[in-house]
Amino acid sequence: MKKVKRRVTSGKVRIHVKREKTALHRCANCKGILHGMKRLMQSRVRKLAKSDRRPDRPYGGYLCSNCTRELFRERARVSNDI
């Protein structure tokens, strides 16, 4: 946490604590940035609704959309070959 000096309305200078954001969430397959993921502290993320924490699709919050699409294509190819 970073301490920042701010001038308040009374004219005095007060110290405000600035919370820093967490690192970007990454795809487990290609290490690309995951979109739709909150960059909050773990204690704040836990208080959010599950739909606000990650995308509502298969492998949401674990794989990016491109890797998920490729995974489904691979599974379709394997199931059609049998």
N, C-alpha and C. Protein backbone atom coordinates (compact mmCIF):
# COMPACT_ATOMS: atom_id res chain seq x y z
N MET A 1 0.84 -1.17 0.00
CA MET A 1 0.00 0.00 0.00
C MET A 1 0.89 1.24 0.00
N LYS A 2 0.47 2.19 -0.77
CA LYS A 2 1.25 3.39 -0.96
C LYS A 2 0.61 4.55 -0.20
N LYS A 3 1.41 5.33 0.50
CA LYS A 3 0.90 6.47 1.25
C LYS A 3 1.04 7.72 0.39
N VAL A 4 -0.07 8.47 0.26
CA VAL A 4 -0.12 9.67 -0.56
C VAL A 4 -0.60 10.83 0.29
N LYS A 5 0.05 11.97 0.18
CA LYS A 5 -0.38 13.16 0.91
C LYS A 5 -1.44 13.89 0.10
N ARG A 6 -2.56 14.21 0.73
CA ARG A 6 -3.67 14.90 0.08
C ARG A 6 -4.09 16.09 0.92
N ARG A 7 -4.39 17.21 0.26
CA ARG A 7 -4.88 18.37 0.97
C ARG A 7 -6.40 18.25 1.08
N VAL A 8 -6.91 18.32 2.29
CA VAL A 8 -8.35 18.19 2.53
C VAL A 8 -8.99 19.57 2.52
N THR A 9 -10.32 19.64 2.62
CA THR A 9 -11.04 20.90 2.49
C THR A 9 -10.69 21.91 3.58
N SER A 10 -10.25 21.47 4.73
CA SER A 10 -9.88 22.39 5.80
C SER A 10 -8.51 23.03 5.54
N GLY A 11 -7.81 22.59 4.50
CA GLY A 11 -6.51 23.15 4.17
C GLY A 11 -5.35 22.37 4.73
N LYS A 12 -5.64 21.40 5.58
CA LYS A 12 -4.58 20.59 6.16
C LYS A 12 -4.19 19.46 5.21
N VAL A 13 -2.99 18.94 5.42
CA VAL A 13 -2.52 17.83 4.60
C VAL A 13 -2.68 16.55 5.40
N ARG A 14 -3.36 15.59 4.81
CA ARG A 14 -3.59 14.29 5.45
C ARG A 14 -2.95 13.20 4.59
N ILE A 15 -2.64 12.10 5.23
CA ILE A 15 -2.07 10.96 4.50
C ILE A 15 -3.19 9.98 4.18
N HIS A 16 -3.35 9.69 2.89
CA HIS A 16 -4.31 8.69 2.43
C HIS A 16 -3.55 7.45 2.02
N VAL A 17 -4.13 6.30 2.27
CA VAL A 17 -3.51 5.04 1.88
C VAL A 17 -4.09 4.63 0.54
N LYS A 18 -3.22 4.48 -0.43
CA LYS A 18 -3.65 4.12 -1.78
C LYS A 18 -3.39 2.63 -1.97
N ARG A 19 -4.44 1.87 -2.19
CA ARG A 19 -4.30 0.43 -2.38
C ARG A 19 -3.87 0.15 -3.82
N GLU A 20 -2.86 -0.67 -3.97
CA GLU A 20 -2.37 -0.98 -5.29
C GLU A 20 -3.12 -2.18 -5.86
N LYS A 21 -3.24 -2.19 -7.18
CA LYS A 21 -3.96 -3.28 -7.84
C LYS A 21 -3.08 -4.52 -7.91
N THR A 22 -3.74 -5.67 -7.99
CA THR A 22 -3.01 -6.93 -8.11
C THR A 22 -2.57 -7.12 -9.57
N ALA A 23 -1.77 -8.12 -9.81
CA ALA A 23 -1.28 -8.39 -11.16
C ALA A 23 -2.42 -8.83 -12.06
N LEU A 24 -2.22 -8.68 -13.35
CA LEU A 24 -3.22 -9.12 -14.32
C LEU A 24 -3.33 -10.64 -14.29
N HIS A 25 -4.54 -11.14 -14.47
CA HIS A 25 -4.75 -12.58 -14.52
C HIS A 25 -4.33 -13.08 -15.90
N ARG A 26 -3.69 -14.24 -15.93
CA ARG A 26 -3.14 -14.78 -17.17
C ARG A 26 -3.79 -16.11 -17.54
N CYS A 27 -3.82 -16.39 -18.84
CA CYS A 27 -4.33 -17.65 -19.36
C CYS A 27 -3.36 -18.77 -18.99
N ALA A 28 -3.88 -19.92 -18.61
CA ALA A 28 -3.04 -21.05 -18.20
C ALA A 28 -2.33 -21.67 -19.40
N ASN A 29 -2.87 -21.47 -20.59
CA ASN A 29 -2.31 -22.11 -21.78
C ASN A 29 -1.30 -21.21 -22.50
N CYS A 30 -1.73 -20.01 -22.90
CA CYS A 30 -0.88 -19.14 -23.72
C CYS A 30 -0.27 -17.98 -22.93
N LYS A 31 -0.61 -17.85 -21.66
CA LYS A 31 -0.11 -16.77 -20.78
C LYS A 31 -0.56 -15.38 -21.22
N GLY A 32 -1.62 -15.32 -22.04
CA GLY A 32 -2.18 -14.02 -22.43
C GLY A 32 -3.03 -13.45 -21.31
N ILE A 33 -3.38 -12.19 -21.42
CA ILE A 33 -4.18 -11.52 -20.38
C ILE A 33 -5.63 -11.98 -20.47
N LEU A 34 -6.21 -12.31 -19.32
CA LEU A 34 -7.62 -12.70 -19.25
C LEU A 34 -8.47 -11.45 -19.08
N HIS A 35 -9.43 -11.27 -19.96
CA HIS A 35 -10.33 -10.12 -19.87
C HIS A 35 -11.52 -10.48 -19.00
N GLY A 36 -12.11 -9.48 -18.37
CA GLY A 36 -13.29 -9.70 -17.54
C GLY A 36 -12.98 -10.15 -16.13
N MET A 37 -11.72 -10.10 -15.73
CA MET A 37 -11.32 -10.49 -14.38
C MET A 37 -11.00 -9.24 -13.58
N LYS A 38 -11.51 -9.17 -12.35
CA LYS A 38 -11.29 -8.00 -11.50
C LYS A 38 -9.86 -7.99 -10.97
N ARG A 39 -9.29 -6.80 -10.85
CA ARG A 39 -7.92 -6.64 -10.32
C ARG A 39 -8.00 -6.07 -8.91
N LEU A 40 -8.62 -6.79 -8.03
CA LEU A 40 -8.77 -6.36 -6.64
C LEU A 40 -7.98 -7.27 -5.73
N MET A 41 -7.86 -6.84 -4.46
CA MET A 41 -7.24 -7.70 -3.47
C MET A 41 -8.14 -8.92 -3.25
N GLN A 42 -7.54 -10.02 -2.83
CA GLN A 42 -8.28 -11.27 -2.66
C GLN A 42 -9.45 -11.12 -1.70
N SER A 43 -9.27 -10.33 -0.65
CA SER A 43 -10.35 -10.14 0.32
C SER A 43 -11.53 -9.40 -0.30
N ARG A 44 -11.27 -8.52 -1.26
CA ARG A 44 -12.36 -7.79 -1.92
C ARG A 44 -13.03 -8.65 -2.99
N VAL A 45 -12.25 -9.47 -3.69
CA VAL A 45 -12.80 -10.33 -4.74
C VAL A 45 -13.75 -11.35 -4.13
N ARG A 46 -13.40 -11.84 -2.94
CA ARG A 46 -14.22 -12.85 -2.27
C ARG A 46 -15.62 -12.34 -1.97
N LYS A 47 -15.77 -11.03 -1.78
CA LYS A 47 -17.06 -10.44 -1.44
C LYS A 47 -17.94 -10.20 -2.65
N LEU A 48 -17.38 -10.29 -3.86
CA LEU A 48 -18.15 -10.08 -5.07
C LEU A 48 -18.99 -11.30 -5.40
N ALA A 49 -20.03 -11.09 -6.19
CA ALA A 49 -20.82 -12.21 -6.69
C ALA A 49 -19.97 -13.03 -7.65
N LYS A 50 -20.28 -14.31 -7.78
CA LYS A 50 -19.47 -15.20 -8.62
C LYS A 50 -19.46 -14.72 -10.07
N SER A 51 -20.57 -14.16 -10.54
CA SER A 51 -20.63 -13.68 -11.91
C SER A 51 -19.78 -12.43 -12.12
N ASP A 52 -19.48 -11.70 -11.05
CA ASP A 52 -18.61 -10.53 -11.17
C ASP A 52 -17.13 -10.90 -11.10
N ARG A 53 -16.82 -12.08 -10.58
CA ARG A 53 -15.42 -12.48 -10.42
C ARG A 53 -14.79 -12.95 -11.72
N ARG A 54 -15.58 -13.64 -12.55
CA ARG A 54 -15.01 -14.23 -13.76
C ARG A 54 -16.10 -14.35 -14.82
N PRO A 55 -15.75 -14.55 -16.10
CA PRO A 55 -16.74 -14.71 -17.16
C PRO A 55 -17.57 -15.98 -16.97
N ASP A 56 -18.83 -15.93 -17.38
CA ASP A 56 -19.75 -17.06 -17.23
C ASP A 56 -19.72 -17.95 -18.46
N ARG A 57 -18.59 -18.52 -18.76
CA ARG A 57 -18.48 -19.48 -19.86
C ARG A 57 -17.56 -20.60 -19.41
N PRO A 58 -17.57 -21.72 -20.11
CA PRO A 58 -16.68 -22.81 -19.71
C PRO A 58 -15.22 -22.35 -19.69
N TYR A 59 -14.50 -22.74 -18.67
CA TYR A 59 -13.10 -22.37 -18.45
C TYR A 59 -12.91 -20.86 -18.27
N GLY A 60 -13.98 -20.14 -17.92
CA GLY A 60 -13.87 -18.70 -17.67
C GLY A 60 -13.01 -18.43 -16.46
N GLY A 61 -12.06 -17.54 -16.58
CA GLY A 61 -11.14 -17.24 -15.50
C GLY A 61 -9.94 -18.16 -15.46
N TYR A 62 -9.88 -19.12 -16.38
CA TYR A 62 -8.75 -20.05 -16.43
C TYR A 62 -8.08 -20.02 -17.80
N LEU A 63 -8.89 -20.07 -18.87
CA LEU A 63 -8.37 -19.99 -20.23
C LEU A 63 -8.95 -18.76 -20.92
N CYS A 64 -8.17 -18.17 -21.83
CA CYS A 64 -8.69 -17.04 -22.61
C CYS A 64 -9.67 -17.57 -23.66
N SER A 65 -10.40 -16.67 -24.30
CA SER A 65 -11.43 -17.09 -25.24
C SER A 65 -10.84 -17.82 -26.44
N ASN A 66 -9.66 -17.40 -26.91
CA ASN A 66 -9.04 -18.07 -28.05
C ASN A 66 -8.63 -19.50 -27.71
N CYS A 67 -8.04 -19.70 -26.54
CA CYS A 67 -7.62 -21.05 -26.14
C CYS A 67 -8.83 -21.94 -25.88
N THR A 68 -9.90 -21.38 -25.34
CA THR A 68 -11.13 -22.14 -25.11
C THR A 68 -11.71 -22.60 -26.44
N ARG A 69 -11.71 -21.70 -27.42
CA ARG A 69 -12.23 -22.02 -28.75
C ARG A 69 -11.41 -23.14 -29.38
N GLU A 70 -10.09 -23.05 -29.27
CA GLU A 70 -9.21 -24.09 -29.81
C GLU A 70 -9.43 -25.43 -29.11
N LEU A 71 -9.65 -25.40 -27.81
CA LEU A 71 -9.90 -26.62 -27.04
C LEU A 71 -11.17 -27.31 -27.53
N PHE A 72 -12.22 -26.52 -27.76
CA PHE A 72 -13.48 -27.10 -28.24
C PHE A 72 -13.32 -27.66 -29.66
N ARG A 73 -12.53 -27.00 -30.49
CA ARG A 73 -12.28 -27.52 -31.84
C ARG A 73 -11.54 -28.85 -31.79
N GLU A 74 -10.54 -28.94 -30.92
CA GLU A 74 -9.78 -30.18 -30.76
C GLU A 74 -10.69 -31.31 -30.28
N ARG A 75 -11.54 -31.01 -29.31
CA ARG A 75 -12.46 -32.04 -28.81
C ARG A 75 -13.43 -32.49 -29.88
N ALA A 76 -13.89 -31.55 -30.73
CA ALA A 76 -14.81 -31.91 -31.81
C ALA A 76 -14.09 -32.80 -32.82
N ARG A 77 -12.83 -32.50 -33.11
CA ARG A 77 -12.07 -33.33 -34.06
C ARG A 77 -11.87 -34.73 -33.52
N VAL A 78 -11.55 -34.84 -32.24
CA VAL A 78 -11.33 -36.15 -31.62
C VAL A 78 -12.61 -36.96 -31.61
N SER A 79 -13.73 -36.32 -31.27
CA SER A 79 -14.99 -37.05 -31.19
C SER A 79 -15.49 -37.47 -32.58
N ASN A 80 -15.16 -36.70 -33.62
CA ASN A 80 -15.57 -37.05 -34.98
C ASN A 80 -14.70 -38.16 -35.57
N ASP A 81 -13.47 -38.29 -35.10
CA ASP A 81 -12.57 -39.32 -35.61
C ASP A 81 -12.94 -40.71 -35.09
N ILE A 82 -13.62 -40.77 -33.98
CA ILE A 82 -13.94 -42.07 -33.36
C ILE A 82 -15.00 -42.79 -34.11
